[in-house]
Amino acid sequence: MIPIEVEHYNTNKESGKQLVQSKAKTYTQAEVIMDIFISRIGIKLTPSDVHIIYQEEFKKILLSSVRARITSLADKGYLVKTEIMREGLHGSPEHCWMYPIEKPKQLELEL
């Protein structure tokens, strides 16, 4: 498992035990989302795609939470946003994201 750092957006001004629980939940969501991308290396996924997969394979999650986790993971360099867009769950175009694939180093021939 890749150690993941993600941001928890404390929009509800939580504190104490509730804030700790919310931060732990954010981390768990990010881990599951990373697992979704890693198990589909080379496949470009929209937040809607991830939302559907997450709910089929794990449990319910808000689409807005998926979007927030994807953004946090991309900000940390764990995911990359592509220029490809597809229609999302609500009919609006969404960018596709993917796990970054490093290009293989070219071999240098010695002459």
PDB file of N, CA and C in Angstrom:
ATOM      1  N   MET A   1       0.846  -1.193   0.000  1.00  0.00           N
ATOM      2  CA  MET A   1       0.000   0.000   0.000  1.00  0.00           C
ATOM      3  C   MET A   1       0.881   1.243   0.000  1.00  0.00           C
ATOM      4  N   ILE A   2       0.561   2.181  -0.857  1.00  0.00           N
ATOM      5  CA  ILE A   2       1.288   3.439  -0.936  1.00  0.00           C
ATOM      6  C   ILE A   2       0.833   4.337   0.210  1.00  0.00           C
ATOM      7  N   PRO A   3       1.772   4.901   0.990  1.00  0.00           N
ATOM      8  CA  PRO A   3       1.338   5.847   2.030  1.00  0.00           C
ATOM      9  C   PRO A   3       0.736   7.083   1.360  1.00  0.00           C
ATOM     10  N   ILE A   4      -0.445   7.445   1.789  1.00  0.00           N
ATOM     11  CA  ILE A   4      -1.191   8.516   1.132  1.00  0.00           C
ATOM     12  C   ILE A   4      -1.404   9.686   2.089  1.00  0.00           C
ATOM     13  N   GLU A   5      -1.147  10.866   1.573  1.00  0.00           N
ATOM     14  CA  GLU A   5      -1.458  12.086   2.311  1.00  0.00           C
ATOM     15  C   GLU A   5      -2.576  12.782   1.555  1.00  0.00           C
ATOM     16  N   VAL A   6      -3.675  13.039   2.225  1.00  0.00           N
ATOM     17  CA  VAL A   6      -4.778  13.763   1.597  1.00  0.00           C
ATOM     18  C   VAL A   6      -5.281  14.838   2.554  1.00  0.00           C
ATOM     19  N   GLU A   7      -5.930  15.814   1.976  1.00  0.00           N
ATOM     20  CA  GLU A   7      -6.488  16.910   2.772  1.00  0.00           C
ATOM     21  C   GLU A   7      -7.908  16.575   3.204  1.00  0.00           C
ATOM     22  N   HIS A   8      -8.238  16.892   4.441  1.00  0.00           N
ATOM     23  CA  HIS A   8      -9.625  16.821   4.895  1.00  0.00           C
ATOM     24  C   HIS A   8     -10.138  18.249   4.921  1.00  0.00           C
ATOM     25  N   TYR A   9     -11.200  18.491   4.189  1.00  0.00           N
ATOM     26  CA  TYR A   9     -11.775  19.832   4.133  1.00  0.00           C
ATOM     27  C   TYR A   9     -12.833  19.950   5.224  1.00  0.00           C
ATOM     28  N   ASN A  10     -12.493  20.626   6.288  1.00  0.00           N
ATOM     29  CA  ASN A  10     -13.357  20.739   7.459  1.00  0.00           C
ATOM     30  C   ASN A  10     -14.396  21.847   7.250  1.00  0.00           C
ATOM     31  N   THR A  11     -15.288  21.629   6.291  1.00  0.00           N
ATOM     32  CA  THR A  11     -16.287  22.644   5.942  1.00  0.00           C
ATOM     33  C   THR A  11     -17.371  22.788   6.999  1.00  0.00           C
ATOM     34  N   ASN A  12     -17.523  21.762   7.839  1.00  0.00           N
ATOM     35  CA  ASN A  12     -18.557  21.813   8.882  1.00  0.00           C
ATOM     36  C   ASN A  12     -18.024  22.312  10.214  1.00  0.00           C
ATOM     37  N   LYS A  13     -16.773  22.749  10.233  1.00  0.00           N
ATOM     38  CA  LYS A  13     -16.145  23.299  11.451  1.00  0.00           C
ATOM     39  C   LYS A  13     -16.194  22.298  12.608  1.00  0.00           C
ATOM     40  N   GLU A  14     -15.887  21.040  12.306  1.00  0.00           N
ATOM     41  CA  GLU A  14     -15.877  20.008  13.337  1.00  0.00           C
ATOM     42  C   GLU A  14     -14.661  20.190  14.239  1.00  0.00           C
ATOM     43  N   SER A  15     -14.751  19.595  15.424  1.00  0.00           N
ATOM     44  CA  SER A  15     -13.615  19.639  16.345  1.00  0.00           C
ATOM     45  C   SER A  15     -13.609  18.366  17.183  1.00  0.00           C
ATOM     46  N   GLY A  16     -12.530  18.161  17.899  1.00  0.00           N
ATOM     47  CA  GLY A  16     -12.431  17.038  18.823  1.00  0.00           C
ATOM     48  C   GLY A  16     -12.568  15.690  18.151  1.00  0.00           C
ATOM     49  N   LYS A  17     -13.313  14.799  18.819  1.00  0.00           N
ATOM     50  CA  LYS A  17     -13.479  13.420  18.368  1.00  0.00           C
ATOM     51  C   LYS A  17     -14.115  13.347  16.978  1.00  0.00           C
ATOM     52  N   GLN A  18     -15.097  14.193  16.714  1.00  0.00           N
ATOM     53  CA  GLN A  18     -15.780  14.191  15.418  1.00  0.00           C
ATOM     54  C   GLN A  18     -14.798  14.517  14.287  1.00  0.00           C
ATOM     55  N   LEU A  19     -13.908  15.487  14.513  1.00  0.00           N
ATOM     56  CA  LEU A  19     -12.919  15.859  13.504  1.00  0.00           C
ATOM     57  C   LEU A  19     -11.943  14.703  13.252  1.00  0.00           C
ATOM     58  N   VAL A  20     -11.507  14.036  14.311  1.00  0.00           N
ATOM     59  CA  VAL A  20     -10.604  12.895  14.178  1.00  0.00           C
ATOM     60  C   VAL A  20     -11.261  11.789  13.358  1.00  0.00           C
ATOM     61  N   GLN A  21     -12.537  11.499  13.647  1.00  0.00           N
ATOM     62  CA  GLN A  21     -13.260  10.467  12.903  1.00  0.00           C
ATOM     63  C   GLN A  21     -13.421  10.848  11.427  1.00  0.00           C
ATOM     64  N   SER A  22     -13.713  12.092  11.163  1.00  0.00           N
ATOM     65  CA  SER A  22     -13.893  12.556   9.785  1.00  0.00           C
ATOM     66  C   SER A  22     -12.583  12.474   9.005  1.00  0.00           C
ATOM     67  N   LYS A  23     -11.475  12.837   9.655  1.00  0.00           N
ATOM     68  CA  LYS A  23     -10.168  12.743   8.997  1.00  0.00           C
ATOM     69  C   LYS A  23      -9.825  11.289   8.687  1.00  0.00           C
ATOM     70  N   ALA A  24     -10.133  10.381   9.595  1.00  0.00           N
ATOM     71  CA  ALA A  24      -9.876   8.953   9.372  1.00  0.00           C
ATOM     72  C   ALA A  24     -10.711   8.438   8.202  1.00  0.00           C
ATOM     73  N   LYS A  25     -11.936   8.890   8.097  1.00  0.00           N
ATOM     74  CA  LYS A  25     -12.816   8.484   7.000  1.00  0.00           C
ATOM     75  C   LYS A  25     -12.270   8.991   5.671  1.00  0.00           C
ATOM     76  N   THR A  26     -11.757  10.209   5.653  1.00  0.00           N
ATOM     77  CA  THR A  26     -11.164  10.780   4.450  1.00  0.00           C
ATOM     78  C   THR A  26     -10.003   9.912   3.993  1.00  0.00           C
ATOM     79  N   TYR A  27      -9.160   9.497   4.919  1.00  0.00           N
ATOM     80  CA  TYR A  27      -8.004   8.670   4.584  1.00  0.00           C
ATOM     81  C   TYR A  27      -8.457   7.343   4.000  1.00  0.00           C
ATOM     82  N   THR A  28      -9.447   6.732   4.593  1.00  0.00           N
ATOM     83  CA  THR A  28      -9.961   5.455   4.097  1.00  0.00           C
ATOM     84  C   THR A  28     -10.516   5.607   2.690  1.00  0.00           C
ATOM     85  N   GLN A  29     -11.276   6.647   2.428  1.00  0.00           N
ATOM     86  CA  GLN A  29     -11.818   6.882   1.094  1.00  0.00           C
ATOM     87  C   GLN A  29     -10.696   7.044   0.077  1.00  0.00           C
ATOM     88  N   ALA A  30      -9.665   7.793   0.446  1.00  0.00           N
ATOM     89  CA  ALA A  30      -8.536   8.000  -0.459  1.00  0.00           C
ATOM     90  C   ALA A  30      -7.831   6.684  -0.758  1.00  0.00           C
ATOM     91  N   GLU A  31      -7.681   5.828   0.242  1.00  0.00           N
ATOM     92  CA  GLU A  31      -7.047   4.526   0.036  1.00  0.00           C
ATOM     93  C   GLU A  31      -7.844   3.677  -0.953  1.00  0.00           C
ATOM     94  N   VAL A  32      -9.150   3.633  -0.767  1.00  0.00           N
ATOM     95  CA  VAL A  32     -10.001   2.840  -1.654  1.00  0.00           C
ATOM     96  C   VAL A  32      -9.927   3.398  -3.075  1.00  0.00           C
ATOM     97  N   ILE A  33      -9.973   4.703  -3.218  1.00  0.00           N
ATOM     98  CA  ILE A  33      -9.912   5.324  -4.542  1.00  0.00           C
ATOM     99  C   ILE A  33      -8.565   5.039  -5.204  1.00  0.00           C
ATOM    100  N   MET A  34      -7.480   5.087  -4.434  1.00  0.00           N
ATOM    101  CA  MET A  34      -6.175   4.737  -5.002  1.00  0.00           C
ATOM    102  C   MET A  34      -6.164   3.283  -5.454  1.00  0.00           C
ATOM    103  N   ASP A  35      -6.742   2.403  -4.657  1.00  0.00           N
ATOM    104  CA  ASP A  35      -6.813   0.987  -5.035  1.00  0.00           C
ATOM    105  C   ASP A  35      -7.591   0.809  -6.344  1.00  0.00           C
ATOM    106  N   ILE A  36      -8.659   1.586  -6.508  1.00  0.00           N
ATOM    107  CA  ILE A  36      -9.450   1.526  -7.747  1.00  0.00           C
ATOM    108  C   ILE A  36      -8.572   1.891  -8.937  1.00  0.00           C
ATOM    109  N   PHE A  37      -7.804   2.977  -8.825  1.00  0.00           N
ATOM    110  CA  PHE A  37      -6.949   3.406  -9.937  1.00  0.00           C
ATOM    111  C   PHE A  37      -5.784   2.441 -10.162  1.00  0.00           C
ATOM    112  N   ILE A  38      -5.152   1.977  -9.091  1.00  0.00           N
ATOM    113  CA  ILE A  38      -4.001   1.079  -9.225  1.00  0.00           C
ATOM    114  C   ILE A  38      -4.416  -0.253  -9.850  1.00  0.00           C
ATOM    115  N   SER A  39      -5.595  -0.734  -9.486  1.00  0.00           N
ATOM    116  CA  SER A  39      -6.043  -2.005 -10.061  1.00  0.00           C
ATOM    117  C   SER A  39      -6.504  -1.852 -11.511  1.00  0.00           C
ATOM    118  N   ARG A  40      -6.530  -0.631 -11.990  1.00  0.00           N
ATOM    119  CA  ARG A  40      -6.932  -0.359 -13.374  1.00  0.00           C
ATOM    120  C   ARG A  40      -5.882   0.520 -14.065  1.00  0.00           C
ATOM    121  N   ILE A  41      -4.615   0.198 -13.838  1.00  0.00           N
ATOM    122  CA  ILE A  41      -3.517   0.993 -14.404  1.00  0.00           C
ATOM    123  C   ILE A  41      -3.694   1.091 -15.916  1.00  0.00           C
ATOM    124  N   GLY A  42      -3.537   2.308 -16.414  1.00  0.00           N
ATOM    125  CA  GLY A  42      -3.664   2.563 -17.844  1.00  0.00           C
ATOM    126  C   GLY A  42      -5.081   2.910 -18.279  1.00  0.00           C
ATOM    127  N   ILE A  43      -6.043   2.776 -17.375  1.00  0.00           N
ATOM    128  CA  ILE A  43      -7.440   3.085 -17.700  1.00  0.00           C
ATOM    129  C   ILE A  43      -7.779   4.471 -17.162  1.00  0.00           C
ATOM    130  N   LYS A  44      -8.377   5.269 -18.018  1.00  0.00           N
ATOM    131  CA  LYS A  44      -8.771   6.631 -17.628  1.00  0.00           C
ATOM    132  C   LYS A  44     -10.189   6.584 -17.064  1.00  0.00           C
ATOM    133  N   LEU A  45     -10.357   7.127 -15.853  1.00  0.00           N
ATOM    134  CA  LEU A  45     -11.652   7.082 -15.165  1.00  0.00           C
ATOM    135  C   LEU A  45     -12.135   8.478 -14.818  1.00  0.00           C
ATOM    136  N   THR A  46     -13.431   8.713 -14.997  1.00  0.00           N
ATOM    137  CA  THR A  46     -14.042   9.953 -14.535  1.00  0.00           C
ATOM    138  C   THR A  46     -14.398   9.791 -13.056  1.00  0.00           C
ATOM    139  N   PRO A  47     -14.654  10.887 -12.351  1.00  0.00           N
ATOM    140  CA  PRO A  47     -15.138  10.756 -10.973  1.00  0.00           C
ATOM    141  C   PRO A  47     -16.421   9.913 -10.897  1.00  0.00           C
ATOM    142  N   SER A  48     -17.275  10.020 -11.900  1.00  0.00           N
ATOM    143  CA  SER A  48     -18.498   9.204 -11.925  1.00  0.00           C
ATOM    144  C   SER A  48     -18.166   7.720 -12.036  1.00  0.00           C
ATOM    145  N   ASP A  49     -17.178   7.386 -12.875  1.00  0.00           N
ATOM    146  CA  ASP A  49     -16.742   5.988 -12.990  1.00  0.00           C
ATOM    147  C   ASP A  49     -16.276   5.475 -11.634  1.00  0.00           C
ATOM    148  N   VAL A  50     -15.437   6.265 -10.970  1.00  0.00           N
ATOM    149  CA  VAL A  50     -14.896   5.877  -9.664  1.00  0.00           C
ATOM    150  C   VAL A  50     -16.025   5.735  -8.646  1.00  0.00           C
ATOM    151  N   HIS A  51     -16.982   6.642  -8.696  1.00  0.00           N
ATOM    152  CA  HIS A  51     -18.134   6.612  -7.796  1.00  0.00           C
ATOM    153  C   HIS A  51     -18.896   5.290  -7.944  1.00  0.00           C
ATOM    154  N   ILE A  52     -19.159   4.891  -9.180  1.00  0.00           N
ATOM    155  CA  ILE A  52     -19.886   3.648  -9.443  1.00  0.00           C
ATOM    156  C   ILE A  52     -19.090   2.441  -8.953  1.00  0.00           C
ATOM    157  N   ILE A  53     -17.802   2.399  -9.296  1.00  0.00           N
ATOM    158  CA  ILE A  53     -16.951   1.281  -8.877  1.00  0.00           C
ATOM    159  C   ILE A  53     -16.869   1.206  -7.355  1.00  0.00           C
ATOM    160  N   TYR A  54     -16.664   2.354  -6.716  1.00  0.00           N
ATOM    161  CA  TYR A  54     -16.559   2.421  -5.252  1.00  0.00           C
ATOM    162  C   TYR A  54     -17.803   1.808  -4.611  1.00  0.00           C
ATOM    163  N   GLN A  55     -18.966   2.209  -5.095  1.00  0.00           N
ATOM    164  CA  GLN A  55     -20.219   1.731  -4.503  1.00  0.00           C
ATOM    165  C   GLN A  55     -20.478   0.259  -4.797  1.00  0.00           C
ATOM    166  N   GLU A  56     -20.055  -0.210  -5.966  1.00  0.00           N
ATOM    167  CA  GLU A  56     -20.231  -1.630  -6.293  1.00  0.00           C
ATOM    168  C   GLU A  56     -19.294  -2.523  -5.488  1.00  0.00           C
ATOM    169  N   GLU A  57     -18.061  -2.058  -5.258  1.00  0.00           N
ATOM    170  CA  GLU A  57     -17.047  -2.894  -4.625  1.00  0.00           C
ATOM    171  C   GLU A  57     -16.844  -2.629  -3.138  1.00  0.00           C
ATOM    172  N   PHE A  58     -17.333  -1.482  -2.642  1.00  0.00           N
ATOM    173  CA  PHE A  58     -17.071  -1.143  -1.250  1.00  0.00           C
ATOM    174  C   PHE A  58     -18.359  -0.763  -0.533  1.00  0.00           C
ATOM    175  N   LYS A  59     -18.686   0.492  -0.527  1.00  0.00           N
ATOM    176  CA  LYS A  59     -19.915   0.955   0.123  1.00  0.00           C
ATOM    177  C   LYS A  59     -20.328   2.292  -0.459  1.00  0.00           C
ATOM    178  N   LYS A  60     -21.420   2.836   0.024  1.00  0.00           N
ATOM    179  CA  LYS A  60     -21.916   4.110  -0.488  1.00  0.00           C
ATOM    180  C   LYS A  60     -20.934   5.238  -0.188  1.00  0.00           C
ATOM    181  N   ILE A  61     -20.884   6.178  -1.119  1.00  0.00           N
ATOM    182  CA  ILE A  61     -20.053   7.365  -0.976  1.00  0.00           C
ATOM    183  C   ILE A  61     -20.697   8.465  -1.814  1.00  0.00           C
ATOM    184  N   LEU A  62     -20.574   9.687  -1.382  1.00  0.00           N
ATOM    185  CA  LEU A  62     -21.093  10.812  -2.157  1.00  0.00           C
ATOM    186  C   LEU A  62     -20.172  11.089  -3.346  1.00  0.00           C
ATOM    187  N   LEU A  63     -20.764  11.455  -4.474  1.00  0.00           N
ATOM    188  CA  LEU A  63     -19.972  11.810  -5.643  1.00  0.00           C
ATOM    189  C   LEU A  63     -19.053  12.990  -5.316  1.00  0.00           C
ATOM    190  N   SER A  64     -19.544  13.935  -4.526  1.00  0.00           N
ATOM    191  CA  SER A  64     -18.709  15.088  -4.150  1.00  0.00           C
ATOM    192  C   SER A  64     -17.495  14.651  -3.322  1.00  0.00           C
ATOM    193  N   SER A  65     -17.647  13.598  -2.524  1.00  0.00           N
ATOM    194  CA  SER A  65     -16.509  13.073  -1.756  1.00  0.00           C
ATOM    195  C   SER A  65     -15.489  12.428  -2.686  1.00  0.00           C
ATOM    196  N   VAL A  66     -15.970  11.718  -3.694  1.00  0.00           N
ATOM    197  CA  VAL A  66     -15.063  11.117  -4.680  1.00  0.00           C
ATOM    198  C   VAL A  66     -14.277  12.217  -5.381  1.00  0.00           C
ATOM    199  N   ARG A  67     -14.974  13.262  -5.807  1.00  0.00           N
ATOM    200  CA  ARG A  67     -14.304  14.382  -6.484  1.00  0.00           C
ATOM    201  C   ARG A  67     -13.244  15.019  -5.585  1.00  0.00           C
ATOM    202  N   ALA A  68     -13.581  15.230  -4.322  1.00  0.00           N
ATOM    203  CA  ALA A  68     -12.641  15.849  -3.376  1.00  0.00           C
ATOM    204  C   ALA A  68     -11.411  14.969  -3.171  1.00  0.00           C
ATOM    205  N   ARG A  69     -11.618  13.664  -3.015  1.00  0.00           N
ATOM    206  CA  ARG A  69     -10.481  12.742  -2.817  1.00  0.00           C
ATOM    207  C   ARG A  69      -9.607  12.704  -4.062  1.00  0.00           C
ATOM    208  N   ILE A  70     -10.210  12.652  -5.250  1.00  0.00           N
ATOM    209  CA  ILE A  70      -9.439  12.627  -6.494  1.00  0.00           C
ATOM    210  C   ILE A  70      -8.608  13.896  -6.615  1.00  0.00           C
ATOM    211  N   THR A  71      -9.205  15.041  -6.314  1.00  0.00           N
ATOM    212  CA  THR A  71      -8.478  16.309  -6.371  1.00  0.00           C
ATOM    213  C   THR A  71      -7.307  16.309  -5.397  1.00  0.00           C
ATOM    214  N   SER A  72      -7.537  15.856  -4.171  1.00  0.00           N
ATOM    215  CA  SER A  72      -6.460  15.797  -3.174  1.00  0.00           C
ATOM    216  C   SER A  72      -5.344  14.862  -3.617  1.00  0.00           C
ATOM    217  N   LEU A  73      -5.719  13.704  -4.156  1.00  0.00           N
ATOM    218  CA  LEU A  73      -4.721  12.739  -4.619  1.00  0.00           C
ATOM    219  C   LEU A  73      -3.915  13.300  -5.792  1.00  0.00           C
ATOM    220  N   ALA A  74      -4.575  14.026  -6.673  1.00  0.00           N
ATOM    221  CA  ALA A  74      -3.874  14.645  -7.806  1.00  0.00           C
ATOM    222  C   ALA A  74      -2.948  15.758  -7.324  1.00  0.00           C
ATOM    223  N   ASP A  75      -3.409  16.548  -6.360  1.00  0.00           N
ATOM    224  CA  ASP A  75      -2.572  17.624  -5.813  1.00  0.00           C
ATOM    225  C   ASP A  75      -1.278  17.076  -5.215  1.00  0.00           C
ATOM    226  N   LYS A  76      -1.343  15.865  -4.681  1.00  0.00           N
ATOM    227  CA  LYS A  76      -0.170  15.227  -4.078  1.00  0.00           C
ATOM    228  C   LYS A  76       0.646  14.436  -5.087  1.00  0.00           C
ATOM    229  N   GLY A  77       0.178  14.361  -6.344  1.00  0.00           N
ATOM    230  CA  GLY A  77       0.913  13.674  -7.392  1.00  0.00           C
ATOM    231  C   GLY A  77       0.604  12.196  -7.531  1.00  0.00           C
ATOM    232  N   TYR A  78      -0.416  11.700  -6.815  1.00  0.00           N
ATOM    233  CA  TYR A  78      -0.773  10.282  -6.898  1.00  0.00           C
ATOM    234  C   TYR A  78      -1.593   9.955  -8.142  1.00  0.00           C
ATOM    235  N   LEU A  79      -2.328  10.947  -8.656  1.00  0.00           N
ATOM    236  CA  LEU A  79      -3.148  10.774  -9.856  1.00  0.00           C
ATOM    237  C   LEU A  79      -2.871  11.921 -10.815  1.00  0.00           C
ATOM    238  N   VAL A  80      -3.173  11.690 -12.095  1.00  0.00           N
ATOM    239  CA  VAL A  80      -3.025  12.750 -13.090  1.00  0.00           C
ATOM    240  C   VAL A  80      -4.343  12.994 -13.810  1.00  0.00           C
ATOM    241  N   LYS A  81      -4.622  14.260 -14.034  1.00  0.00           N
ATOM    242  CA  LYS A  81      -5.807  14.664 -14.784  1.00  0.00           C
ATOM    243  C   LYS A  81      -5.453  14.643 -16.266  1.00  0.00           C
ATOM    244  N   THR A  82      -6.300  14.040 -17.073  1.00  0.00           N
ATOM    245  CA  THR A  82      -6.046  13.999 -18.513  1.00  0.00           C
ATOM    246  C   THR A  82      -6.899  15.063 -19.200  1.00  0.00           C
ATOM    247  N   GLU A  83      -6.654  15.262 -20.469  1.00  0.00           N
ATOM    248  CA  GLU A  83      -7.451  16.209 -21.256  1.00  0.00           C
ATOM    249  C   GLU A  83      -8.727  15.556 -21.790  1.00  0.00           C
ATOM    250  N   ILE A  84      -8.841  14.246 -21.626  1.00  0.00           N
ATOM    251  CA  ILE A  84     -10.002  13.500 -22.125  1.00  0.00           C
ATOM    252  C   ILE A  84     -11.199  13.768 -21.219  1.00  0.00           C
ATOM    253  N   MET A  85     -12.347  14.009 -21.836  1.00  0.00           N
ATOM    254  CA  MET A  85     -13.573  14.247 -21.073  1.00  0.00           C
ATOM    255  C   MET A  85     -14.659  13.295 -21.570  1.00  0.00           C
ATOM    256  N   ARG A  86     -15.488  12.832 -20.627  1.00  0.00           N
ATOM    257  CA  ARG A  86     -16.643  11.988 -20.946  1.00  0.00           C
ATOM    258  C   ARG A  86     -17.824  12.470 -20.117  1.00  0.00           C
ATOM    259  N   GLU A  87     -18.997  12.077 -20.541  1.00  0.00           N
ATOM    260  CA  GLU A  87     -20.214  12.453 -19.827  1.00  0.00           C
ATOM    261  C   GLU A  87     -20.267  11.746 -18.481  1.00  0.00           C
ATOM    262  N   GLY A  88     -20.587  12.507 -17.437  1.00  0.00           N
ATOM    263  CA  GLY A  88     -20.688  11.958 -16.092  1.00  0.00           C
ATOM    264  C   GLY A  88     -22.108  11.527 -15.754  1.00  0.00           C
ATOM    265  N   LEU A  89     -22.311  11.173 -14.502  1.00  0.00           N
ATOM    266  CA  LEU A  89     -23.616  10.684 -14.034  1.00  0.00           C
ATOM    267  C   LEU A  89     -24.750  11.679 -14.240  1.00  0.00           C
ATOM    268  N   HIS A  90     -24.442  12.953 -14.162  1.00  0.00           N
ATOM    269  CA  HIS A  90     -25.488  13.968 -14.250  1.00  0.00           C
ATOM    270  C   HIS A  90     -25.541  14.641 -15.622  1.00  0.00           C
ATOM    271  N   GLY A  91     -24.877  14.012 -16.618  1.00  0.00           N
ATOM    272  CA  GLY A  91     -24.946  14.524 -17.980  1.00  0.00           C
ATOM    273  C   GLY A  91     -23.924  15.584 -18.334  1.00  0.00           C
ATOM    274  N   SER A  92     -23.153  16.048 -17.369  1.00  0.00           N
ATOM    275  CA  SER A  92     -22.134  17.063 -17.637  1.00  0.00           C
ATOM    276  C   SER A  92     -20.804  16.392 -17.980  1.00  0.00           C
ATOM    277  N   PRO A  93     -19.985  17.051 -18.800  1.00  0.00           N
ATOM    278  CA  PRO A  93     -18.687  16.473 -19.117  1.00  0.00           C
ATOM    279  C   PRO A  93     -17.757  16.487 -17.901  1.00  0.00           C
ATOM    280  N   GLU A  94     -17.005  15.412 -17.736  1.00  0.00           N
ATOM    281  CA  GLU A  94     -16.046  15.290 -16.640  1.00  0.00           C
ATOM    282  C   GLU A  94     -14.688  14.900 -17.215  1.00  0.00           C
ATOM    283  N   HIS A  95     -13.644  15.433 -16.618  1.00  0.00           N
ATOM    284  CA  HIS A  95     -12.289  15.025 -17.010  1.00  0.00           C
ATOM    285  C   HIS A  95     -12.043  13.602 -16.562  1.00  0.00           C
ATOM    286  N   CYS A  96     -11.204  12.906 -17.304  1.00  0.00           N
ATOM    287  CA  CYS A  96     -10.748  11.576 -16.904  1.00  0.00           C
ATOM    288  C   CYS A  96      -9.441  11.731 -16.134  1.00  0.00           C
ATOM    289  N   TRP A  97      -9.241  10.855 -15.195  1.00  0.00           N
ATOM    290  CA  TRP A  97      -8.051  10.830 -14.351  1.00  0.00           C
ATOM    291  C   TRP A  97      -7.424   9.455 -14.477  1.00  0.00           C
ATOM    292  N   MET A  98      -6.148   9.343 -14.156  1.00  0.00           N
ATOM    293  CA  MET A  98      -5.506   8.039 -14.179  1.00  0.00           C
ATOM    294  C   MET A  98      -4.310   7.997 -13.241  1.00  0.00           C
ATOM    295  N   TYR A  99      -3.920   6.781 -12.919  1.00  0.00           N
ATOM    296  CA  TYR A  99      -2.708   6.564 -12.152  1.00  0.00           C
ATOM    297  C   TYR A  99      -1.539   6.843 -13.095  1.00  0.00           C
ATOM    298  N   PRO A 100      -0.565   7.656 -12.667  1.00  0.00           N
ATOM    299  CA  PRO A 100       0.522   8.013 -13.588  1.00  0.00           C
ATOM    300  C   PRO A 100       1.398   6.811 -13.930  1.00  0.00           C
ATOM    301  N   ILE A 101       1.614   6.636 -15.191  1.00  0.00           N
ATOM    302  CA  ILE A 101       2.482   5.561 -15.664  1.00  0.00           C
ATOM    303  C   ILE A 101       3.785   6.209 -16.118  1.00  0.00           C
ATOM    304  N   GLU A 102       4.867   5.805 -15.497  1.00  0.00           N
ATOM    305  CA  GLU A 102       6.160   6.350 -15.879  1.00  0.00           C
ATOM    306  C   GLU A 102       6.565   5.780 -17.226  1.00  0.00           C
ATOM    307  N   LYS A 103       7.098   6.650 -18.046  1.00  0.00           N
ATOM    308  CA  LYS A 103       7.591   6.187 -19.340  1.00  0.00           C
ATOM    309  C   LYS A 103       8.888   5.411 -19.098  1.00  0.00           C
ATOM    310  N   PRO A 104       9.058   4.287 -19.773  1.00  0.00           N
ATOM    311  CA  PRO A 104      10.310   3.544 -19.601  1.00  0.00           C
ATOM    312  C   PRO A 104      11.496   4.350 -20.132  1.00  0.00           C
ATOM    313  N   LYS A 105      12.606   4.256 -19.428  1.00  0.00           N
ATOM    314  CA  LYS A 105      13.799   4.960 -19.869  1.00  0.00           C
ATOM    315  C   LYS A 105      14.298   4.326 -21.161  1.00  0.00           C
ATOM    316  N   GLN A 106      14.756   5.195 -22.072  1.00  0.00           N
ATOM    317  CA  GLN A 106      15.285   4.682 -23.324  1.00  0.00           C
ATOM    318  C   GLN A 106      16.688   4.144 -23.110  1.00  0.00           C
ATOM    319  N   LEU A 107      16.973   3.068 -23.766  1.00  0.00           N
ATOM    320  CA  LEU A 107      18.304   2.499 -23.668  1.00  0.00           C
ATOM    321  C   LEU A 107      19.266   3.333 -24.500  1.00  0.00           C
ATOM    322  N   GLU A 108      20.414   3.592 -23.931  1.00  0.00           N
ATOM    323  CA  GLU A 108      21.441   4.314 -24.683  1.00  0.00           C
ATOM    324  C   GLU A 108      22.466   3.302 -25.166  1.00  0.00           C
ATOM    325  N   LEU A 109      22.668   3.280 -26.446  1.00  0.00           N
ATOM    326  CA  LEU A 109      23.628   2.359 -27.034  1.00  0.00           C
ATOM    327  C   LEU A 109      25.016   2.947 -26.984  1.00  0.00           C
ATOM    328  N   GLU A 110      25.952   2.146 -26.556  1.00  0.00           N
ATOM    329  CA  GLU A 110      27.340   2.572 -26.562  1.00  0.00           C
ATOM    330  C   GLU A 110      27.947   2.197 -27.897  1.00  0.00           C
ATOM    331  N   LEU A 111      28.553   3.141 -28.560  1.00  0.00           N
ATOM    332  CA  LEU A 111      29.182   2.864 -29.858  1.00  0.00           C
ATOM    333  C   LEU A 111      30.677   2.795 -29.727  1.00  0.00           C
TER     334      LEU A 111
END
